[in-house]
């Protein structure tokens, strides 16, 4: 097993402090005591397009031993990162999965906030072409070229014609495939190079054969459960994908936060998938 870097140790210490403040706990073991290099996924938000009290729109952050990658950019990203015990300046990359406002609407605020807290390098923004173009246009509305010392984001889109390498970092390998949604979008497969384990995030999608193949054998599947509508999946369909792909554990995300029987969502998924199943919760942490 790899040994934890100073970055990993500092991140773990911050998370312990947050857990102590909020009365929560960390579902993982100390990297210092175990010698294990952790990869952590934090749910910064879990709701579908309509956020609710305690449920921000869905976006995520992945922390490897040396890299921090935020996935989509909803709501108040600087606040949510800090509430999760993560320094916003630690975010190295932003992945944008598709061009819908609940997934990229927070981007101008994020860029502004990073500038105001002393960002020293350009943020690398990667992902689906339409999402990147829309994010760049949103930011341009606020004339960031007039912000003294602002480091403009660097944008890089990928080809959606086949499974593509999105980021190949020292600690993480992130690949992407096309979803079946109302607009072009990306599902993500994240390999922790420390543990060899894989987490797959469906993003917004209908059930699709390419997603089943993409998620094949993953240790964790984080799958949307918006409901029975075009471009989305129900909790039961998420369970079906998990079973067909042979994943180890299922988390439901991007579910309706208001007026929904959350226990029924779990029941629906569990009726189709025999493995461990949980509802993703804001600020919940998965380690793999």
Protein backbone atom coordinates (compact mmCIF):
# COMPACT_ATOMS: atom_id res chain seq x y z
CA UNK A 1 0.00 0.00 0.00
CA UNK A 2 1.09 3.58 -0.61
CA UNK A 3 2.06 5.87 2.20
CA UNK A 4 -0.05 8.99 2.83
CA UNK A 5 1.41 12.28 1.66
CA UNK A 6 1.35 15.44 3.75
CA UNK A 7 -1.57 16.58 1.61
CA UNK A 8 -3.59 13.46 2.47
CA UNK A 9 -2.81 13.78 6.17
CA UNK A 10 -3.82 17.45 6.20
CA UNK A 11 -7.06 16.71 4.37
CA UNK A 12 -7.93 13.92 6.76
CA UNK A 13 -7.22 16.17 9.75
CA UNK A 14 -9.52 18.85 8.33
CA UNK A 15 -12.27 16.29 7.90
CA UNK A 16 -11.91 15.11 11.48
CA UNK A 17 -12.24 18.72 12.62
CA UNK A 18 -15.38 19.17 10.53
CA UNK A 19 -16.89 15.95 11.87
CA UNK A 20 -16.21 17.10 15.43
CA UNK A 21 -17.89 20.46 14.79
CA UNK A 22 -20.98 18.97 13.17
CA UNK A 23 -21.31 15.88 15.35
CA UNK A 24 -20.71 13.66 12.34
CA UNK A 25 -18.18 10.95 11.69
CA UNK A 26 -15.83 9.83 8.96
CA UNK A 27 -16.65 6.45 7.36
CA UNK A 28 -13.00 5.58 6.88
CA UNK A 29 -9.82 4.74 8.76
CA UNK A 30 -6.91 7.04 9.41
CA UNK A 31 -4.38 7.12 6.57
CA UNK A 32 -1.69 7.77 9.16
CA UNK A 33 -2.52 4.69 11.21
CA UNK A 34 -3.17 2.40 8.25
CA UNK A 35 -0.64 3.58 5.71
CA UNK A 36 -3.50 3.70 3.20
CA UNK A 37 -3.67 6.52 0.68
CA UNK A 38 -7.31 7.54 0.62
CA UNK A 39 -9.43 8.63 -2.31
CA UNK A 40 -12.49 10.49 -1.09
CA UNK A 41 -15.69 11.54 -2.82
CA UNK A 42 -17.79 14.18 -1.07
CA UNK A 43 -21.36 14.92 -2.10
CA UNK A 44 -21.54 18.73 -2.14
CA UNK A 45 -25.16 18.47 -3.24
CA UNK A 46 -27.56 15.62 -3.98
CA UNK A 47 -30.82 17.14 -5.27
CA UNK A 48 -32.21 17.09 -8.78
CA UNK A 49 -32.93 20.39 -10.59
CA UNK A 50 -35.06 21.76 -7.74
CA UNK A 51 -32.93 22.10 -4.62
CA UNK A 52 -34.46 21.94 -1.14
CA UNK A 53 -33.56 22.62 2.47
CA UNK A 54 -30.60 20.39 3.22
CA UNK A 55 -30.30 19.33 -0.42
CA UNK A 56 -28.27 21.49 -2.82
CA UNK A 57 -28.26 20.71 -6.55
CA UNK A 58 -26.00 17.78 -7.36
CA UNK A 59 -22.26 18.35 -7.55
CA UNK A 60 -19.29 16.45 -6.16
CA UNK A 61 -15.64 16.71 -5.27
CA UNK A 62 -13.00 13.96 -5.45
CA UNK A 63 -9.80 14.13 -3.42
CA UNK A 64 -6.89 11.89 -4.27
CA UNK A 65 -3.49 11.87 -2.64
CA UNK A 66 -2.35 14.91 -4.60
CA UNK A 67 -5.29 16.04 -6.76
CA UNK A 68 -8.67 17.62 -6.06
CA UNK A 69 -11.31 17.45 -8.79
CA UNK A 70 -14.72 19.09 -8.53
CA UNK A 71 -17.47 17.62 -10.70
CA UNK A 72 -20.03 20.19 -11.87
CA UNK A 73 -20.58 23.53 -10.20
CA UNK A 74 -23.94 24.29 -8.64
CA UNK A 75 -25.17 26.82 -6.13
CA UNK A 76 -22.54 28.29 -3.79
CA UNK A 77 -19.43 26.24 -4.49
CA UNK A 78 -17.00 28.08 -2.20
CA UNK A 79 -19.36 27.80 0.73
CA UNK A 80 -20.07 24.12 0.11
CA UNK A 81 -16.38 23.27 -0.25
CA UNK A 82 -15.57 25.03 3.02
CA UNK A 83 -18.46 23.29 4.78
CA UNK A 84 -16.94 20.02 3.58
CA UNK A 85 -13.59 20.98 5.07
CA UNK A 86 -11.95 21.61 1.69
CA UNK A 87 -9.98 24.74 0.84
CA UNK A 88 -11.41 26.05 -2.47
CA UNK A 89 -7.86 26.89 -3.56
CA UNK A 90 -7.06 23.16 -3.39
CA UNK A 91 -9.35 22.48 -6.37
CA UNK A 92 -7.06 21.68 -9.29
CA UNK A 93 -9.64 20.71 -11.91
CA UNK A 94 -13.32 21.28 -12.60
CA UNK A 95 -15.22 18.73 -14.71
CA UNK A 96 -18.46 19.91 -16.32
CA UNK A 97 -20.69 17.04 -17.40
CA UNK A 98 -23.38 18.87 -19.37
CA UNK A 99 -24.89 22.26 -20.12
CA UNK A 100 -27.82 22.47 -17.71
CA UNK A 101 -28.06 25.33 -15.18
CA UNK A 102 -28.32 23.15 -12.09
CA UNK A 103 -24.91 21.68 -13.01
CA UNK A 104 -22.95 24.73 -14.19
CA UNK A 105 -24.87 27.76 -12.86
CA UNK A 106 -22.40 28.32 -10.03
CA UNK A 107 -19.38 28.62 -12.30
CA UNK A 108 -19.14 32.45 -12.49
CA UNK A 109 -19.48 32.67 -8.69
CA UNK A 110 -16.76 30.03 -8.30
CA UNK A 111 -14.40 31.90 -10.63
CA UNK A 112 -15.09 35.17 -8.83
CA UNK A 113 -14.58 33.60 -5.41
CA UNK A 114 -11.29 31.97 -6.35
CA UNK A 115 -10.02 35.33 -7.60
CA UNK A 116 -11.08 37.10 -4.40
CA UNK A 117 -9.42 34.54 -2.10
CA UNK A 118 -6.10 34.83 -3.89
CA UNK A 119 -5.99 32.20 -6.62
CA UNK A 120 -2.47 32.05 -8.09
CA UNK A 121 -3.03 29.71 -11.06
CA UNK A 122 -5.63 29.21 -13.75
CA UNK A 123 -8.32 26.64 -12.99
CA UNK A 124 -8.36 23.76 -15.49
CA UNK A 125 -11.93 23.18 -16.69
CA UNK A 126 -12.53 20.00 -18.69
CA UNK A 127 -15.58 18.18 -19.96
CA UNK A 128 -18.39 18.22 -22.50
CA UNK A 129 -17.94 20.84 -25.22
CA UNK A 130 -21.37 22.48 -24.90
CA UNK A 131 -21.03 22.73 -21.13
CA UNK A 132 -17.65 24.41 -21.42
CA UNK A 133 -18.87 26.85 -24.07
CA UNK A 134 -21.88 27.77 -21.94
CA UNK A 135 -19.76 28.18 -18.81
CA UNK A 136 -17.33 30.44 -20.67
CA UNK A 137 -20.21 32.59 -21.96
CA UNK A 138 -21.70 32.86 -18.47
CA UNK A 139 -18.39 34.02 -17.04
CA UNK A 140 -17.84 36.50 -19.90
CA UNK A 141 -21.08 38.31 -18.97
CA UNK A 142 -19.31 39.62 -15.86
CA UNK A 143 -16.27 41.00 -17.71
CA UNK A 144 -13.58 39.08 -15.81
CA UNK A 145 -10.95 40.68 -18.03
CA UNK A 146 -11.48 43.77 -15.86
CA UNK A 147 -10.71 41.90 -12.61
CA UNK A 148 -7.12 42.88 -11.72
CA UNK A 149 -4.84 39.86 -11.53
CA UNK A 150 -7.56 37.39 -12.51
CA UNK A 151 -6.26 34.08 -13.87
CA UNK A 152 -8.63 33.09 -16.67
CA UNK A 153 -9.76 29.43 -16.61
CA UNK A 154 -8.23 27.06 -19.14
CA UNK A 155 -10.91 25.08 -21.00
CA UNK A 156 -10.44 21.68 -22.65
CA UNK A 157 -13.28 19.65 -24.14
CA UNK A 158 -13.27 15.99 -25.13
CA UNK A 159 -14.65 13.96 -28.01
CA UNK A 160 -17.87 12.17 -27.07
CA UNK A 161 -17.73 9.67 -29.94
CA UNK A 162 -16.21 6.98 -27.72
CA UNK A 163 -14.94 6.36 -24.20
CA UNK A 164 -12.30 9.00 -23.61
CA UNK A 165 -9.60 9.78 -21.08
CA UNK A 166 -10.63 12.99 -19.37
CA UNK A 167 -7.83 13.31 -16.80
CA UNK A 168 -4.81 11.09 -16.21
CA UNK A 169 -3.30 12.34 -12.96
CA UNK A 170 -0.68 10.83 -10.65
CA UNK A 171 -3.40 9.59 -8.28
CA UNK A 172 -6.56 9.43 -10.40
CA UNK A 173 -7.56 8.23 -13.86
CA UNK A 174 -10.89 9.69 -14.99
CA UNK A 175 -12.50 8.44 -18.18
CA UNK A 176 -15.82 9.48 -19.69
CA UNK A 177 -18.56 8.11 -21.91
CA UNK A 178 -21.65 9.68 -23.41
CA UNK A 179 -24.90 9.67 -21.47
CA UNK A 180 -28.44 9.47 -22.85
CA UNK A 181 -29.82 12.81 -21.75
CA UNK A 182 -31.67 15.82 -23.16
CA UNK A 183 -28.34 17.42 -24.09
CA UNK A 184 -24.93 15.82 -24.69
CA UNK A 185 -23.40 14.75 -21.39
CA UNK A 186 -20.71 12.70 -19.69
CA UNK A 187 -20.71 9.81 -17.26
CA UNK A 188 -17.44 9.45 -15.37
CA UNK A 189 -15.36 6.44 -14.33
CA UNK A 190 -12.82 7.32 -11.63
CA UNK A 191 -9.98 4.93 -10.86
CA UNK A 192 -8.10 5.42 -7.61
CA UNK A 193 -4.51 4.55 -8.49
CA UNK A 194 -3.78 4.05 -4.79
CA UNK A 195 -6.37 1.35 -4.16
CA UNK A 196 -7.10 0.13 -7.69
CA UNK A 197 -10.81 0.59 -6.99
CA UNK A 198 -13.30 2.29 -9.29
CA UNK A 199 -16.22 4.64 -8.74
CA UNK A 200 -18.63 5.48 -11.58
CA UNK A 201 -20.89 8.55 -11.66
CA UNK A 202 -23.79 8.34 -14.09
CA UNK A 203 -24.52 12.08 -14.28
CA UNK A 204 -27.98 12.77 -15.76
CA UNK A 205 -29.09 9.94 -18.03
CA UNK A 206 -31.69 7.45 -19.04
CA UNK A 207 -30.67 3.81 -18.59
CA UNK A 208 -28.40 3.00 -21.52
CA UNK A 209 -26.38 -0.04 -22.65
CA UNK A 210 -23.20 2.04 -22.92
CA UNK A 211 -23.53 3.08 -19.27
CA UNK A 212 -23.92 -0.54 -18.15
CA UNK A 213 -20.76 -1.45 -20.03
CA UNK A 214 -18.97 1.65 -18.74
CA UNK A 215 -19.84 0.79 -15.12
CA UNK A 216 -19.00 -2.91 -15.46
CA UNK A 217 -17.37 -4.23 -12.29
CA UNK A 218 -17.12 -0.86 -10.53
CA UNK A 219 -16.77 -0.95 -6.77
CA UNK A 220 -19.21 1.96 -6.38
CA UNK A 221 -21.91 3.32 -8.70
CA UNK A 222 -23.37 6.76 -8.02
CA UNK A 223 -26.50 6.86 -10.17
CA UNK A 224 -29.15 9.48 -10.66
CA UNK A 225 -32.75 8.83 -9.56
CA UNK A 226 -34.69 11.84 -10.84
CA UNK A 227 -37.83 9.90 -11.69
CA UNK A 228 -39.81 8.71 -14.71
CA UNK A 229 -39.05 11.41 -17.23
CA UNK A 230 -37.23 11.65 -20.53
CA UNK A 231 -33.47 11.92 -20.13
CA UNK A 232 -33.48 10.61 -16.56
CA UNK A 233 -33.81 7.42 -14.54
CA UNK A 234 -35.95 6.14 -11.71
CA UNK A 235 -34.48 4.61 -8.57
CA UNK A 236 -35.60 1.20 -9.79
CA UNK A 237 -33.82 1.72 -13.10
CA UNK A 238 -30.68 2.75 -11.21
CA UNK A 239 -30.91 -0.57 -9.39
CA UNK A 240 -31.28 -2.39 -12.69
CA UNK A 241 -28.14 -0.72 -14.06
CA UNK A 242 -26.24 -1.62 -10.88
CA UNK A 243 -27.26 -5.27 -11.22
CA UNK A 244 -26.52 -5.47 -14.94
CA UNK A 245 -23.10 -3.86 -14.44
CA UNK A 246 -22.22 -6.06 -11.47
CA UNK A 247 -21.18 -3.18 -9.21
CA UNK A 248 -20.33 -3.53 -5.54
CA UNK A 249 -22.42 -0.71 -4.05
CA UNK A 250 -25.05 1.76 -5.24
CA UNK A 251 -25.64 5.36 -4.18
CA UNK A 252 -28.74 7.19 -5.43
CA UNK A 253 -28.23 10.86 -6.27
CA UNK A 254 -29.94 13.69 -8.18
CA UNK A 255 -33.26 12.73 -6.62
CA UNK A 256 -36.24 15.04 -5.95
CA UNK A 257 -35.59 16.77 -2.64
CA UNK A 258 -39.09 18.09 -2.00
CA UNK A 259 -42.21 16.04 -1.35
CA UNK A 260 -40.61 12.69 -2.17
CA UNK A 261 -40.77 9.54 -0.07
CA UNK A 262 -37.03 8.88 0.20
CA UNK A 263 -37.57 5.51 1.86
CA UNK A 264 -39.57 4.45 -1.18
CA UNK A 265 -36.71 5.47 -3.46
CA UNK A 266 -34.44 3.12 -1.54
CA UNK A 267 -37.05 0.35 -1.63
CA UNK A 268 -37.44 0.74 -5.39
CA UNK A 269 -33.69 0.50 -5.97
CA UNK A 270 -33.30 -2.43 -3.57
CA UNK A 271 -36.04 -4.33 -5.39
CA UNK A 272 -33.72 -4.38 -8.43
CA UNK A 273 -30.28 -4.56 -6.82
CA UNK A 274 -29.30 -6.99 -4.06
CA UNK A 275 -26.13 -5.19 -3.06
CA UNK A 276 -25.68 -2.37 -0.53
CA UNK A 277 -27.71 0.68 -1.49
CA UNK A 278 -27.77 4.15 0.05
CA UNK A 279 -29.18 7.58 -0.60
CA UNK A 280 -26.40 10.08 -1.17
CA UNK A 281 -26.62 12.85 1.42
CA UNK A 282 -25.18 16.34 1.27
CA UNK A 283 -21.65 16.27 2.71
CA UNK A 284 -21.64 12.47 2.85
CA UNK A 285 -18.25 10.93 2.09
CA UNK A 286 -17.34 7.79 0.14
CA UNK A 287 -13.82 6.42 0.31
CA UNK A 288 -12.42 3.89 -2.11
